[in-house]
C-alpha cells in the first residue's frame, strides 16, 4: 500500500505546483 501513498503525494504536489504557477 506504500505505492498508493506515494501516488497520492505526487498528485497533491502536482496540484500545489499548478496553483503556484
PDB file of N, CA and C in Angstrom:
ATOM      1  N   UNK A   1       0.843  -1.222   0.000  1.00  0.00           N
ATOM      2  CA  UNK A   1       0.000   0.000   0.000  1.00  0.00           C
ATOM      3  C   UNK A   1       0.869   1.259   0.000  1.00  0.00           C
ATOM      4  N   UNK A   2       2.178   1.068   0.040  1.00  0.00           N
ATOM      5  CA  UNK A   2       3.063   2.245   0.059  1.00  0.00           C
ATOM      6  C   UNK A   2       2.953   3.002  -1.262  1.00  0.00           C
ATOM      7  N   UNK A   3       2.771   2.242  -2.349  1.00  0.00           N
ATOM      8  CA  UNK A   3       2.684   2.915  -3.664  1.00  0.00           C
ATOM      9  C   UNK A   3       1.539   3.910  -3.673  1.00  0.00           C
ATOM     10  N   UNK A   4       0.382   3.511  -3.175  1.00  0.00           N
ATOM     11  CA  UNK A   4      -0.776   4.418  -3.188  1.00  0.00           C
ATOM     12  C   UNK A   4      -0.444   5.711  -2.450  1.00  0.00           C
ATOM     13  N   UNK A   5       0.303   5.581  -1.354  1.00  0.00           N
ATOM     14  CA  UNK A   5       0.657   6.795  -0.602  1.00  0.00           C
ATOM     15  C   UNK A   5       1.541   7.694  -1.462  1.00  0.00           C
ATOM     16  N   UNK A   6       2.535   7.100  -2.127  1.00  0.00           N
ATOM     17  CA  UNK A   6       3.427   7.904  -2.967  1.00  0.00           C
ATOM     18  C   UNK A   6       2.637   8.553  -4.096  1.00  0.00           C
ATOM     19  N   UNK A   7       1.722   7.795  -4.675  1.00  0.00           N
ATOM     20  CA  UNK A   7       0.920   8.341  -5.782  1.00  0.00           C
ATOM     21  C   UNK A   7       0.086   9.516  -5.286  1.00  0.00           C
ATOM     22  N   UNK A   8      -0.572   9.341  -4.155  1.00  0.00           N
ATOM     23  CA  UNK A   8      -1.407  10.430  -3.625  1.00  0.00           C
ATOM     24  C   UNK A   8      -0.548  11.658  -3.340  1.00  0.00           C
ATOM     25  N   UNK A   9       0.653  11.433  -2.792  1.00  0.00           N
ATOM     26  CA  UNK A   9       1.536  12.571  -2.511  1.00  0.00           C
ATOM     27  C   UNK A   9       1.924  13.270  -3.811  1.00  0.00           C
ATOM     28  N   UNK A  10       2.216  12.499  -4.844  1.00  0.00           N
ATOM     29  CA  UNK A  10       2.607  13.090  -6.129  1.00  0.00           C
ATOM     30  C   UNK A  10       1.455  13.921  -6.676  1.00  0.00           C
ATOM     31  N   UNK A  11       0.234  13.402  -6.579  1.00  0.00           N
ATOM     32  CA  UNK A  11      -0.926  14.146  -7.092  1.00  0.00           C
ATOM     33  C   UNK A  11      -1.076  15.456  -6.315  1.00  0.00           C
ATOM     34  N   UNK A  12      -0.941  15.385  -4.995  1.00  0.00           N
ATOM     35  CA  UNK A  12      -1.055  16.608  -4.191  1.00  0.00           C
ATOM     36  C   UNK A  12       0.025  17.603  -4.582  1.00  0.00           C
ATOM     37  N   UNK A  13       1.241  17.125  -4.769  1.00  0.00           N
ATOM     38  CA  UNK A  13       2.345  18.014  -5.157  1.00  0.00           C
ATOM     39  C   UNK A  13       2.041  18.668  -6.503  1.00  0.00           C
ATOM     40  N   UNK A  14       1.480  17.888  -7.427  1.00  0.00           N
ATOM     41  CA  UNK A  14       1.143  18.426  -8.747  1.00  0.00           C
ATOM     42  C   UNK A  14       0.118  19.535  -8.614  1.00  0.00           C
ATOM     43  N   UNK A  15      -0.871  19.321  -7.762  1.00  0.00           N
ATOM     44  CA  UNK A  15      -1.897  20.358  -7.580  1.00  0.00           C
ATOM     45  C   UNK A  15      -1.263  21.624  -7.031  1.00  0.00           C
ATOM     46  N   UNK A  16      -0.395  21.470  -6.038  1.00  0.00           N
ATOM     47  CA  UNK A  16       0.250  22.642  -5.434  1.00  0.00           C
ATOM     48  C   UNK A  16       1.091  23.364  -6.487  1.00  0.00           C
ATOM     49  N   UNK A  17       1.830  22.596  -7.299  1.00  0.00           N
ATOM     50  CA  UNK A  17       2.678  23.223  -8.324  1.00  0.00           C
ATOM     51  C   UNK A  17       1.815  24.022  -9.285  1.00  0.00           C
ATOM     52  N   UNK A  18       0.682  23.433  -9.706  1.00  0.00           N
ATOM     53  CA  UNK A  18      -0.192  24.149 -10.642  1.00  0.00           C
ATOM     54  C   UNK A  18      -0.718  25.426  -9.987  1.00  0.00           C
ATOM     55  N   UNK A  19      -1.063  25.328  -8.713  1.00  0.00           N
ATOM     56  CA  UNK A  19      -1.601  26.512  -8.024  1.00  0.00           C
ATOM     57  C   UNK A  19      -0.535  27.600  -7.954  1.00  0.00           C
ATOM     58  N   UNK A  20       0.697  27.239  -7.653  1.00  0.00           N
ATOM     59  CA  UNK A  20       1.775  28.234  -7.546  1.00  0.00           C
ATOM     60  C   UNK A  20       1.997  28.910  -8.903  1.00  0.00           C
ATOM     61  N   UNK A  21       2.012  28.089  -9.953  1.00  0.00           N
ATOM     62  CA  UNK A  21       2.243  28.673 -11.274  1.00  0.00           C
ATOM     63  C   UNK A  21       1.042  29.526 -11.665  1.00  0.00           C
TER      64      UNK A  21
END
